[in-house]
Amino acid sequence: PQRQGTPLSDHEYHQFFMSLRAAQRARAACLIRTLYGCQNPLVRKLDEYENHGVIPKGPICSEMAGFPSFTDFCAFSLYRCTRKMYFIKV
């Protein structure tokens, strides 16, 4: 364990900034989704990537307490974007 106030190790810095970059990329994807909609080719490509090549059809069940289902993947993704809950899974 590191002492309080000491700098992060090289590995810890790498982990810290990886998580920040992931959040920045998620925010950028959400901005594109908000501006252009779920049918935008780039948004569709990102959705396919997130779902192993196929965008789920029909209702989506999520791991979010209080919001167990959404009408489709687009609604689920837009909800995550508006709530800044980028890494919640279906």
N, C-alpha and C. Protein backbone atom coordinates (compact mmCIF):
# COMPACT_ATOMS: atom_id res chain seq x y z
N PRO A 1 0.82 -1.21 0.00
CA PRO A 1 0.00 0.00 0.00
C PRO A 1 0.86 1.26 0.00
N GLN A 2 0.41 2.24 -0.75
CA GLN A 2 1.14 3.50 -0.84
C GLN A 2 0.76 4.41 0.33
N ARG A 3 1.71 5.26 0.72
CA ARG A 3 1.42 6.26 1.75
C ARG A 3 0.58 7.37 1.15
N GLN A 4 -0.32 7.93 1.96
CA GLN A 4 -1.13 9.05 1.48
C GLN A 4 -0.22 10.19 1.07
N GLY A 5 -0.57 10.84 -0.03
CA GLY A 5 0.17 11.99 -0.51
C GLY A 5 1.32 11.66 -1.42
N THR A 6 1.63 10.37 -1.60
CA THR A 6 2.71 10.01 -2.51
C THR A 6 2.15 9.89 -3.92
N PRO A 7 3.00 10.12 -4.93
CA PRO A 7 2.53 10.00 -6.32
C PRO A 7 2.13 8.56 -6.66
N LEU A 8 1.28 8.44 -7.65
CA LEU A 8 0.90 7.12 -8.15
C LEU A 8 2.10 6.47 -8.83
N SER A 9 2.13 5.15 -8.81
CA SER A 9 3.15 4.42 -9.56
C SER A 9 2.83 4.53 -11.05
N ASP A 10 3.76 4.12 -11.90
CA ASP A 10 3.51 4.15 -13.35
C ASP A 10 2.27 3.34 -13.71
N HIS A 11 2.14 2.17 -13.12
CA HIS A 11 0.97 1.31 -13.38
C HIS A 11 -0.32 2.00 -12.90
N GLU A 12 -0.28 2.61 -11.72
CA GLU A 12 -1.47 3.29 -11.19
C GLU A 12 -1.85 4.48 -12.07
N TYR A 13 -0.87 5.23 -12.57
CA TYR A 13 -1.17 6.33 -13.49
C TYR A 13 -1.84 5.80 -14.76
N HIS A 14 -1.30 4.72 -15.28
CA HIS A 14 -1.87 4.13 -16.48
C HIS A 14 -3.34 3.76 -16.24
N GLN A 15 -3.63 3.08 -15.15
CA GLN A 15 -5.00 2.68 -14.83
C GLN A 15 -5.91 3.90 -14.64
N PHE A 16 -5.40 4.91 -13.93
CA PHE A 16 -6.18 6.12 -13.66
C PHE A 16 -6.58 6.81 -14.95
N PHE A 17 -5.62 7.02 -15.86
CA PHE A 17 -5.92 7.74 -17.08
C PHE A 17 -6.68 6.90 -18.10
N MET A 18 -6.54 5.59 -18.04
CA MET A 18 -7.35 4.72 -18.92
C MET A 18 -8.82 4.91 -18.60
N SER A 19 -9.17 4.98 -17.31
CA SER A 19 -10.57 5.15 -16.94
C SER A 19 -11.08 6.52 -17.37
N LEU A 20 -10.26 7.54 -17.30
CA LEU A 20 -10.68 8.87 -17.75
C LEU A 20 -10.91 8.89 -19.25
N ARG A 21 -10.01 8.27 -20.00
CA ARG A 21 -10.18 8.24 -21.46
C ARG A 21 -11.43 7.47 -21.85
N ALA A 22 -11.73 6.40 -21.13
CA ALA A 22 -12.93 5.62 -21.43
C ALA A 22 -14.17 6.48 -21.23
N ALA A 23 -14.21 7.25 -20.16
CA ALA A 23 -15.36 8.11 -19.90
C ALA A 23 -15.46 9.20 -20.97
N GLN A 24 -14.33 9.75 -21.40
CA GLN A 24 -14.35 10.77 -22.45
C GLN A 24 -14.88 10.20 -23.76
N ARG A 25 -14.46 8.98 -24.09
CA ARG A 25 -14.96 8.34 -25.32
C ARG A 25 -16.45 8.07 -25.22
N ALA A 26 -16.90 7.66 -24.05
CA ALA A 26 -18.34 7.40 -23.86
C ALA A 26 -19.13 8.69 -24.00
N ARG A 27 -18.64 9.78 -23.43
CA ARG A 27 -19.33 11.07 -23.58
C ARG A 27 -19.38 11.50 -25.04
N ALA A 28 -18.28 11.30 -25.76
CA ALA A 28 -18.25 11.67 -27.18
C ALA A 28 -19.26 10.84 -27.97
N ALA A 29 -19.34 9.54 -27.70
CA ALA A 29 -20.32 8.69 -28.37
C ALA A 29 -21.74 9.14 -28.04
N CYS A 30 -21.97 9.54 -26.80
CA CYS A 30 -23.30 10.02 -26.41
C CYS A 30 -23.65 11.32 -27.12
N LEU A 31 -22.68 12.19 -27.30
CA LEU A 31 -22.94 13.44 -28.01
C LEU A 31 -23.33 13.14 -29.46
N ILE A 32 -22.61 12.24 -30.10
CA ILE A 32 -22.95 11.86 -31.48
C ILE A 32 -24.34 11.24 -31.52
N ARG A 33 -24.66 10.36 -30.55
CA ARG A 33 -25.98 9.73 -30.48
C ARG A 33 -27.07 10.78 -30.33
N THR A 34 -26.84 11.76 -29.45
CA THR A 34 -27.83 12.80 -29.21
C THR A 34 -28.03 13.69 -30.43
N LEU A 35 -26.94 14.03 -31.10
CA LEU A 35 -27.02 14.91 -32.26
C LEU A 35 -27.61 14.23 -33.50
N TYR A 36 -27.24 12.97 -33.73
CA TYR A 36 -27.59 12.32 -34.99
C TYR A 36 -28.56 11.15 -34.88
N GLY A 37 -28.83 10.70 -33.66
CA GLY A 37 -29.78 9.61 -33.47
C GLY A 37 -29.17 8.23 -33.60
N CYS A 38 -29.95 7.25 -33.25
CA CYS A 38 -29.48 5.86 -33.20
C CYS A 38 -29.28 5.25 -34.59
N GLN A 39 -29.84 5.86 -35.63
CA GLN A 39 -29.69 5.29 -36.97
C GLN A 39 -28.44 5.79 -37.69
N ASN A 40 -27.71 6.71 -37.08
CA ASN A 40 -26.47 7.19 -37.66
C ASN A 40 -25.51 6.02 -37.83
N PRO A 41 -24.84 5.91 -38.97
CA PRO A 41 -23.95 4.77 -39.21
C PRO A 41 -22.86 4.59 -38.15
N LEU A 42 -22.28 5.68 -37.67
CA LEU A 42 -21.26 5.56 -36.63
C LEU A 42 -21.86 5.05 -35.32
N VAL A 43 -23.03 5.57 -34.96
CA VAL A 43 -23.71 5.13 -33.73
C VAL A 43 -24.07 3.65 -33.86
N ARG A 44 -24.59 3.26 -35.01
CA ARG A 44 -24.93 1.84 -35.21
C ARG A 44 -23.69 0.96 -35.09
N LYS A 45 -22.56 1.41 -35.63
CA LYS A 45 -21.32 0.66 -35.54
C LYS A 45 -20.88 0.50 -34.08
N LEU A 46 -20.99 1.57 -33.32
CA LEU A 46 -20.65 1.50 -31.89
C LEU A 46 -21.58 0.55 -31.14
N ASP A 47 -22.88 0.62 -31.46
CA ASP A 47 -23.85 -0.28 -30.82
C ASP A 47 -23.56 -1.74 -31.17
N GLU A 48 -23.21 -1.98 -32.41
CA GLU A 48 -22.85 -3.34 -32.83
C GLU A 48 -21.59 -3.81 -32.10
N TYR A 49 -20.63 -2.93 -31.99
CA TYR A 49 -19.39 -3.29 -31.30
C TYR A 49 -19.68 -3.65 -29.84
N GLU A 50 -20.53 -2.86 -29.20
CA GLU A 50 -20.88 -3.10 -27.79
C GLU A 50 -21.61 -4.43 -27.61
N ASN A 51 -22.29 -4.89 -28.65
CA ASN A 51 -23.13 -6.09 -28.55
C ASN A 51 -22.64 -7.24 -29.42
N HIS A 52 -21.34 -7.34 -29.58
CA HIS A 52 -20.72 -8.43 -30.34
C HIS A 52 -21.28 -8.58 -31.74
N GLY A 53 -21.49 -7.44 -32.42
CA GLY A 53 -21.83 -7.47 -33.83
C GLY A 53 -23.30 -7.39 -34.18
N VAL A 54 -24.18 -7.46 -33.19
CA VAL A 54 -25.63 -7.41 -33.48
C VAL A 54 -26.31 -6.47 -32.48
N ILE A 55 -27.06 -5.51 -32.98
CA ILE A 55 -27.83 -4.63 -32.10
C ILE A 55 -29.08 -5.39 -31.67
N PRO A 56 -29.29 -5.54 -30.36
CA PRO A 56 -30.47 -6.30 -29.90
C PRO A 56 -31.77 -5.67 -30.39
N LYS A 57 -32.69 -6.52 -30.76
CA LYS A 57 -34.02 -6.06 -31.19
C LYS A 57 -35.00 -6.28 -30.06
N GLY A 58 -36.03 -5.43 -30.00
CA GLY A 58 -37.07 -5.59 -28.99
C GLY A 58 -36.67 -5.04 -27.64
N PRO A 59 -37.46 -5.37 -26.62
CA PRO A 59 -37.21 -4.85 -25.28
C PRO A 59 -35.84 -5.27 -24.74
N ILE A 60 -35.28 -4.40 -23.93
CA ILE A 60 -33.97 -4.62 -23.32
C ILE A 60 -34.12 -4.68 -21.81
N CYS A 61 -33.55 -5.69 -21.20
CA CYS A 61 -33.51 -5.78 -19.74
C CYS A 61 -32.15 -5.28 -19.29
N SER A 62 -32.13 -4.48 -18.23
CA SER A 62 -30.87 -3.92 -17.77
C SER A 62 -30.60 -4.30 -16.32
N GLU A 63 -29.38 -3.99 -15.88
CA GLU A 63 -28.97 -4.23 -14.50
C GLU A 63 -29.27 -3.03 -13.62
N MET A 64 -29.99 -2.02 -14.13
CA MET A 64 -30.25 -0.80 -13.36
C MET A 64 -31.45 -0.99 -12.46
N ALA A 65 -31.23 -0.77 -11.18
CA ALA A 65 -32.33 -0.85 -10.21
C ALA A 65 -33.36 0.23 -10.52
N GLY A 66 -34.61 -0.13 -10.54
CA GLY A 66 -35.67 0.82 -10.82
C GLY A 66 -35.99 0.99 -12.29
N PHE A 67 -35.09 0.57 -13.16
CA PHE A 67 -35.31 0.64 -14.60
C PHE A 67 -34.89 -0.68 -15.23
N PRO A 68 -35.67 -1.72 -14.99
CA PRO A 68 -35.26 -3.05 -15.45
C PRO A 68 -35.41 -3.28 -16.94
N SER A 69 -36.24 -2.48 -17.63
CA SER A 69 -36.40 -2.74 -19.07
C SER A 69 -36.65 -1.45 -19.84
N PHE A 70 -36.31 -1.51 -21.12
CA PHE A 70 -36.48 -0.39 -22.05
C PHE A 70 -37.09 -0.94 -23.32
N THR A 71 -37.74 -0.08 -24.11
CA THR A 71 -38.43 -0.54 -25.32
C THR A 71 -37.47 -1.10 -26.36
N ASP A 72 -36.25 -0.55 -26.44
CA ASP A 72 -35.25 -1.04 -27.38
C ASP A 72 -33.87 -0.58 -26.94
N PHE A 73 -32.84 -1.01 -27.67
CA PHE A 73 -31.47 -0.67 -27.30
C PHE A 73 -31.22 0.83 -27.41
N CYS A 74 -31.85 1.48 -28.36
CA CYS A 74 -31.69 2.92 -28.52
C CYS A 74 -32.17 3.65 -27.27
N ALA A 75 -33.35 3.30 -26.78
CA ALA A 75 -33.90 3.94 -25.57
C ALA A 75 -32.97 3.69 -24.38
N PHE A 76 -32.46 2.47 -24.26
CA PHE A 76 -31.53 2.14 -23.19
C PHE A 76 -30.27 2.99 -23.29
N SER A 77 -29.71 3.10 -24.47
CA SER A 77 -28.49 3.86 -24.67
C SER A 77 -28.70 5.35 -24.41
N LEU A 78 -29.81 5.88 -24.88
CA LEU A 78 -30.11 7.29 -24.63
C LEU A 78 -30.29 7.56 -23.14
N TYR A 79 -30.92 6.63 -22.43
CA TYR A 79 -31.08 6.79 -20.99
C TYR A 79 -29.72 6.81 -20.31
N ARG A 80 -28.85 5.88 -20.68
CA ARG A 80 -27.50 5.86 -20.10
C ARG A 80 -26.79 7.18 -20.36
N CYS A 81 -26.93 7.71 -21.57
CA CYS A 81 -26.28 8.97 -21.90
C CYS A 81 -26.80 10.13 -21.06
N THR A 82 -28.10 10.23 -20.94
CA THR A 82 -28.66 11.36 -20.19
C THR A 82 -28.31 11.28 -18.71
N ARG A 83 -28.17 10.08 -18.18
CA ARG A 83 -27.82 9.87 -16.76
C ARG A 83 -26.32 9.74 -16.52
N LYS A 84 -25.52 9.78 -17.59
CA LYS A 84 -24.07 9.61 -17.50
C LYS A 84 -23.69 8.31 -16.80
N MET A 85 -24.46 7.27 -17.10
CA MET A 85 -24.23 5.93 -16.59
C MET A 85 -23.70 5.09 -17.75
N TYR A 86 -22.53 5.44 -18.25
CA TYR A 86 -22.02 4.92 -19.50
C TYR A 86 -21.77 3.42 -19.50
N PHE A 87 -21.44 2.85 -18.37
CA PHE A 87 -20.96 1.48 -18.36
C PHE A 87 -21.93 0.49 -17.76
N ILE A 88 -23.22 0.85 -17.66
CA ILE A 88 -24.24 -0.08 -17.20
C ILE A 88 -24.55 -1.05 -18.33
N LYS A 89 -24.65 -2.33 -18.00
CA LYS A 89 -24.87 -3.36 -19.03
C LYS A 89 -26.32 -3.76 -19.12
N VAL A 90 -26.62 -4.41 -20.27
CA VAL A 90 -27.95 -5.00 -20.47
C VAL A 90 -27.88 -6.45 -20.10
